[in-house]
């Protein structure tokens, strides 16, 4: 019996790709809005969960409640999009086990982070839990990027795959490890700084037991190591015959990484103004995506049917 042709109940790869993209964008939005909650002091704007107030009255709503509850609404949209993508991964034609696993994992991560968000609220913004909340959100961004990438290319035991450079693969893996260290220490820096996530009149949120200047120096050292590695690799590939996709990925990492370094230095000198810290979070998210895509680009693969090739 021949395989079923794609239709409304059994979406084609090109249709699933759009839902994977929506899933990916949703992960980015939850990361950005989560940063706004912390930086605007709205972490305790809604003292109850999942509703903002158990016995809501109109006069209780203010800017902090709106920001915090807005983040929860984005989470609700994210849950719906992720569930739809998971269902479509199961029903798509041809069915692929790897996409079912990635989309199913995203559902679990979203639920885990939503529950963790509730625990963060009821723990009155425990700084360790707040940091975990942010790191799980970044992990969701990575998984969303992986799912979107895989939705565009053919994976499987019989699929064509070509490793572009074993040497570059090793460096790409090191960049990923380096970035993880930068992000973990970066969240510790934020957790030691003035932005606890609460505001005047709310419970005072605890901070991490580190001196801000010490953890900021450690963070900057690993960040400089990351930018230096990217810069050296870019110079190495500048006149090589490396795939344009790899060169473009490195160029992006170099630009964003350098900008991130400047923003990090300026925000520290200016005593961490909110808008610069939020920009720092956005750039960190972009770097996370860039490193993930650079690692995925180490292999050449065929495009899924119905999905046009990229210019690179």
Protein backbone atom coordinates (compact mmCIF):
# COMPACT_ATOMS: atom_id res chain seq x y z
CA UNK A 1 0.00 0.00 0.00
CA UNK A 2 1.39 3.42 -0.94
CA UNK A 3 1.95 6.08 1.68
CA UNK A 4 -0.81 8.63 2.19
CA UNK A 5 -0.41 11.88 0.32
CA UNK A 6 -0.16 15.07 2.39
CA UNK A 7 -3.51 16.73 3.15
CA UNK A 8 -5.19 18.74 5.90
CA UNK A 9 -4.99 15.85 8.38
CA UNK A 10 -1.55 14.78 7.21
CA UNK A 11 0.44 18.00 6.58
CA UNK A 12 3.33 18.21 4.14
CA UNK A 13 6.88 19.03 5.27
CA UNK A 14 6.50 22.62 4.06
CA UNK A 15 3.41 23.09 6.25
CA UNK A 16 5.08 21.63 9.31
CA UNK A 17 8.07 23.92 8.73
CA UNK A 18 5.87 26.99 9.24
CA UNK A 19 4.59 25.62 12.54
CA UNK A 20 8.14 24.81 13.59
CA UNK A 21 9.06 28.42 12.79
CA UNK A 22 6.11 29.69 14.86
CA UNK A 23 7.24 27.43 17.70
CA UNK A 24 10.77 28.80 17.43
CA UNK A 25 9.62 32.45 17.42
CA UNK A 26 7.42 31.75 20.46
CA UNK A 27 10.45 30.48 22.38
CA UNK A 28 12.28 33.73 21.59
CA UNK A 29 9.31 35.85 22.70
CA UNK A 30 9.02 34.09 26.04
CA UNK A 31 12.72 34.75 26.62
CA UNK A 32 12.42 38.46 25.81
CA UNK A 33 9.20 39.02 27.80
CA UNK A 34 10.63 37.10 30.73
CA UNK A 35 13.53 39.53 30.81
CA UNK A 36 11.09 42.46 30.82
CA UNK A 37 9.29 40.98 33.83
CA UNK A 38 12.51 40.90 35.82
CA UNK A 39 13.90 44.24 34.71
CA UNK A 40 10.67 46.21 35.25
CA UNK A 41 10.37 44.80 38.76
CA UNK A 42 7.19 42.91 37.82
CA UNK A 43 8.16 39.47 39.13
CA UNK A 44 5.67 39.77 41.96
CA UNK A 45 3.16 41.85 40.00
CA UNK A 46 0.84 38.84 40.10
CA UNK A 47 1.01 37.25 43.55
CA UNK A 48 -1.04 34.21 42.52
CA UNK A 49 -0.72 31.66 39.72
CA UNK A 50 -1.99 30.93 37.09
CA UNK A 51 -4.43 33.82 37.57
CA UNK A 52 -3.00 37.12 38.72
CA UNK A 53 -5.27 37.49 41.75
CA UNK A 54 -7.53 34.86 43.23
CA UNK A 55 -10.19 37.51 43.87
CA UNK A 56 -9.51 40.05 41.15
CA UNK A 57 -10.67 43.65 41.56
CA UNK A 58 -10.07 46.34 38.99
CA UNK A 59 -8.06 48.65 41.24
CA UNK A 60 -5.45 45.97 41.91
CA UNK A 61 -4.13 46.03 38.34
CA UNK A 62 -1.09 48.18 37.64
CA UNK A 63 1.85 48.22 35.25
CA UNK A 64 3.64 45.41 37.08
CA UNK A 65 0.55 43.19 37.04
CA UNK A 66 0.07 43.85 33.32
CA UNK A 67 3.71 43.03 32.48
CA UNK A 68 3.74 39.84 34.57
CA UNK A 69 0.35 38.64 33.34
CA UNK A 70 1.33 39.52 29.75
CA UNK A 71 4.28 37.16 30.09
CA UNK A 72 1.88 34.45 31.27
CA UNK A 73 -0.37 35.07 28.25
CA UNK A 74 2.64 34.64 25.96
CA UNK A 75 3.32 31.37 27.79
CA UNK A 76 -0.27 30.29 27.11
CA UNK A 77 0.11 31.04 23.39
CA UNK A 78 3.41 29.19 23.43
CA UNK A 79 1.76 26.11 24.94
CA UNK A 80 -0.93 26.10 22.22
CA UNK A 81 1.59 26.53 19.37
CA UNK A 82 3.86 23.84 20.81
CA UNK A 83 1.00 21.36 21.19
CA UNK A 84 -0.15 22.00 17.61
CA UNK A 85 3.39 21.50 16.33
CA UNK A 86 3.64 18.24 18.27
CA UNK A 87 0.37 16.96 16.78
CA UNK A 88 1.50 17.94 13.30
CA UNK A 89 4.83 16.19 13.82
CA UNK A 90 2.91 13.00 14.56
CA UNK A 91 0.54 13.34 11.59
CA UNK A 92 2.87 14.83 8.94
CA UNK A 93 3.71 12.89 5.79
CA UNK A 94 6.25 11.45 5.62
CA UNK A 95 6.41 10.89 9.37
CA UNK A 96 9.78 11.45 11.01
CA UNK A 97 10.71 10.13 14.42
CA UNK A 98 13.28 12.87 15.10
CA UNK A 99 10.69 15.63 14.68
CA UNK A 100 8.27 13.84 16.98
CA UNK A 101 11.02 13.65 19.61
CA UNK A 102 12.04 17.32 19.30
CA UNK A 103 8.46 18.62 19.32
CA UNK A 104 7.52 16.32 22.20
CA UNK A 105 10.58 17.49 24.13
CA UNK A 106 9.51 21.09 23.58
CA UNK A 107 6.10 20.33 25.07
CA UNK A 108 7.78 18.89 28.16
CA UNK A 109 10.15 21.86 28.47
CA UNK A 110 7.29 24.36 28.15
CA UNK A 111 5.28 22.61 30.86
CA UNK A 112 8.37 22.35 33.07
CA UNK A 113 9.15 26.04 32.68
CA UNK A 114 5.55 27.06 33.36
CA UNK A 115 5.55 25.06 36.60
CA UNK A 116 8.98 26.46 37.46
CA UNK A 117 7.58 29.96 36.90
CA UNK A 118 4.84 29.23 39.43
CA UNK A 119 7.43 28.02 41.94
CA UNK A 120 9.45 31.19 41.34
CA UNK A 121 6.43 33.33 42.23
CA UNK A 122 5.55 31.39 45.38
CA UNK A 123 9.22 31.36 46.48
CA UNK A 124 9.19 35.18 46.28
CA UNK A 125 11.74 35.21 43.46
CA UNK A 126 14.34 32.87 44.86
CA UNK A 127 17.42 33.93 42.83
CA UNK A 128 18.59 30.37 42.18
CA UNK A 129 15.17 29.44 40.79
CA UNK A 130 14.99 32.65 38.74
CA UNK A 131 18.32 31.74 37.14
CA UNK A 132 17.10 28.21 36.39
CA UNK A 133 13.95 29.70 34.88
CA UNK A 134 16.05 31.79 32.47
CA UNK A 135 18.41 28.95 31.56
CA UNK A 136 15.49 26.60 30.83
CA UNK A 137 14.04 29.33 28.59
CA UNK A 138 17.34 29.49 26.69
CA UNK A 139 17.34 25.69 26.38
CA UNK A 140 13.87 25.98 24.83
CA UNK A 141 15.22 28.49 22.30
CA UNK A 142 17.98 26.03 21.37
CA UNK A 143 15.52 23.16 20.98
CA UNK A 144 13.22 25.37 18.91
CA UNK A 145 16.13 26.25 16.62
CA UNK A 146 17.03 22.57 16.25
CA UNK A 147 13.43 21.63 15.39
CA UNK A 148 13.11 24.42 12.83
CA UNK A 149 16.44 23.42 11.21
CA UNK A 150 15.48 19.76 11.06
CA UNK A 151 12.08 20.62 9.57
CA UNK A 152 13.89 22.03 6.51
CA UNK A 153 16.29 19.15 5.87
CA UNK A 154 16.09 15.40 5.30
CA UNK A 155 17.24 13.33 8.28
CA UNK A 156 17.27 9.56 8.60
CA UNK A 157 19.42 6.45 8.06
CA UNK A 158 19.28 6.79 4.26
CA UNK A 159 19.61 10.58 4.10
CA UNK A 160 22.64 12.24 2.51
CA UNK A 161 24.92 13.84 5.08
CA UNK A 162 28.34 15.38 4.52
CA UNK A 163 30.61 16.64 7.30
CA UNK A 164 32.12 19.85 5.97
CA UNK A 165 35.21 19.96 8.20
CA UNK A 166 36.18 17.81 11.23
CA UNK A 167 38.38 20.66 12.48
CA UNK A 168 35.55 23.18 12.31
CA UNK A 169 33.23 20.71 14.02
CA UNK A 170 35.56 20.55 17.02
CA UNK A 171 35.73 24.36 17.23
CA UNK A 172 31.95 24.63 16.86
CA UNK A 173 31.52 22.24 19.78
CA UNK A 174 33.97 24.30 21.85
CA UNK A 175 32.06 27.49 21.02
CA UNK A 176 28.89 25.85 22.32
CA UNK A 177 30.58 24.83 25.58
CA UNK A 178 32.15 28.28 25.94
CA UNK A 179 28.78 29.95 25.39
CA UNK A 180 27.09 27.74 27.98
CA UNK A 181 29.67 28.85 30.55
CA UNK A 182 29.16 32.50 29.56
CA UNK A 183 25.39 32.18 29.93
CA UNK A 184 25.51 30.37 33.28
CA UNK A 185 27.95 32.92 34.73
CA UNK A 186 25.92 35.69 33.10
CA UNK A 187 22.75 34.66 34.90
CA UNK A 188 24.78 34.53 38.13
CA UNK A 189 25.93 38.10 37.42
CA UNK A 190 22.34 39.26 36.97
CA UNK A 191 21.33 37.33 40.08
CA UNK A 192 23.99 39.20 42.05
CA UNK A 193 23.05 42.60 40.67
CA UNK A 194 20.32 45.11 41.51
CA UNK A 195 17.56 43.69 39.30
CA UNK A 196 15.87 41.22 41.62
CA UNK A 197 12.57 41.23 39.75
CA UNK A 198 10.56 42.92 42.51
CA UNK A 199 9.78 46.59 43.05
CA UNK A 200 9.18 49.05 45.86
CA UNK A 201 6.39 47.95 48.19
CA UNK A 202 6.81 44.24 47.41
CA UNK A 203 8.68 41.59 49.33
CA UNK A 204 12.44 42.07 49.09
CA UNK A 205 13.87 39.37 46.83
CA UNK A 206 17.13 37.79 47.88
CA UNK A 207 20.26 38.05 45.74
CA UNK A 208 22.93 35.45 45.04
CA UNK A 209 25.77 35.35 47.60
CA UNK A 210 28.41 36.67 45.18
CA UNK A 211 30.10 40.04 44.91
CA UNK A 212 28.85 41.63 41.68
CA UNK A 213 32.31 42.82 40.65
CA UNK A 214 33.83 39.34 41.08
CA UNK A 215 31.22 37.42 39.11
CA UNK A 216 31.16 40.16 36.46
CA UNK A 217 34.91 39.74 35.90
CA UNK A 218 34.56 35.96 35.54
CA UNK A 219 31.70 36.51 33.09
CA UNK A 220 33.75 38.98 31.05
CA UNK A 221 36.77 36.67 30.87
CA UNK A 222 34.75 33.82 29.34
CA UNK A 223 33.00 36.31 27.04
CA UNK A 224 36.37 37.61 25.79
CA UNK A 225 37.48 34.00 25.22
CA UNK A 226 34.34 33.37 23.16
CA UNK A 227 34.75 36.51 21.03
CA UNK A 228 38.46 35.79 20.55
CA UNK A 229 37.73 32.27 19.32
CA UNK A 230 35.11 33.53 16.88
CA UNK A 231 37.42 36.29 15.64
CA UNK A 232 40.36 33.94 15.12
CA UNK A 233 38.19 31.41 13.31
CA UNK A 234 36.73 34.13 11.10
CA UNK A 235 40.22 35.25 10.04
CA UNK A 236 41.15 31.63 9.35
CA UNK A 237 38.12 31.09 7.10
CA UNK A 238 38.20 34.51 5.46
CA UNK A 239 40.34 33.36 2.52
CA UNK A 240 39.45 29.68 2.64
CA UNK A 241 37.02 27.71 0.50
CA UNK A 242 34.70 27.04 3.44
CA UNK A 243 31.00 26.84 2.67
CA UNK A 244 29.37 30.29 2.41
CA UNK A 245 26.85 29.19 5.04
CA UNK A 246 29.67 28.67 7.57
CA UNK A 247 31.33 31.98 6.71
CA UNK A 248 28.03 33.81 7.05
CA UNK A 249 27.36 32.13 10.41
CA UNK A 250 30.77 33.16 11.74
CA UNK A 251 30.32 36.72 10.47
CA UNK A 252 27.05 36.92 12.37
CA UNK A 253 28.61 35.56 15.55
CA UNK A 254 31.50 38.02 15.30
CA UNK A 255 29.23 41.04 14.84
CA UNK A 256 26.72 40.08 17.54
CA UNK A 257 29.42 38.87 19.93
CA UNK A 258 31.39 42.12 19.57
CA UNK A 259 28.25 44.20 20.04
CA UNK A 260 27.35 42.11 23.08
CA UNK A 261 30.78 42.76 24.56
CA UNK A 262 30.41 46.52 24.10
CA UNK A 263 26.91 46.50 25.61
CA UNK A 264 28.11 44.41 28.55
CA UNK A 265 30.95 46.83 29.30
CA UNK A 266 28.78 49.94 28.93
CA UNK A 267 25.97 48.57 31.09
CA UNK A 268 28.43 47.76 33.86
CA UNK A 269 30.00 51.23 33.74
CA UNK A 270 26.53 52.84 33.78
CA UNK A 271 25.46 50.66 36.75
CA UNK A 272 23.15 48.33 34.81
CA UNK A 273 20.37 50.52 33.36
CA UNK A 274 17.28 48.48 32.57
CA UNK A 275 17.16 49.10 28.81
CA UNK A 276 20.78 48.03 28.34
CA UNK A 277 20.30 44.88 30.40
CA UNK A 278 17.28 43.97 28.27
CA UNK A 279 19.35 44.56 25.11
CA UNK A 280 22.04 42.32 26.64
CA UNK A 281 19.45 39.57 27.11
CA UNK A 282 18.22 39.94 23.52
CA UNK A 283 21.78 39.73 22.18
CA UNK A 284 22.50 36.71 24.39
CA UNK A 285 19.46 35.02 22.89
CA UNK A 286 20.66 35.87 19.39
CA UNK A 287 24.13 34.49 20.17
CA UNK A 288 22.58 31.29 21.48
CA UNK A 289 20.67 30.89 18.23
CA UNK A 290 23.76 31.71 16.16
CA UNK A 291 25.97 29.15 17.90
CA UNK A 292 23.24 26.51 17.59
CA UNK A 293 22.83 27.17 13.86
CA UNK A 294 26.60 27.22 13.34
CA UNK A 295 26.84 23.75 14.90
CA UNK A 296 23.94 22.46 12.81
CA UNK A 297 25.53 23.88 9.65
CA UNK A 298 28.61 21.69 10.03
CA UNK A 299 26.81 19.03 7.97
CA UNK A 300 25.52 19.38 4.43
CA UNK A 301 22.08 17.80 3.88
CA UNK A 302 19.36 17.71 1.24
CA UNK A 303 16.31 19.92 1.59
CA UNK A 304 12.90 18.46 2.35
CA UNK A 305 10.55 18.24 -0.64
CA UNK A 306 8.73 21.49 -1.34
CA UNK A 307 11.18 23.66 0.64
CA UNK A 308 13.29 26.01 -1.46
CA UNK A 309 17.06 26.06 -0.84
CA UNK A 310 18.60 29.05 0.89
CA UNK A 311 20.93 31.38 -1.00
CA UNK A 312 23.86 30.32 1.17
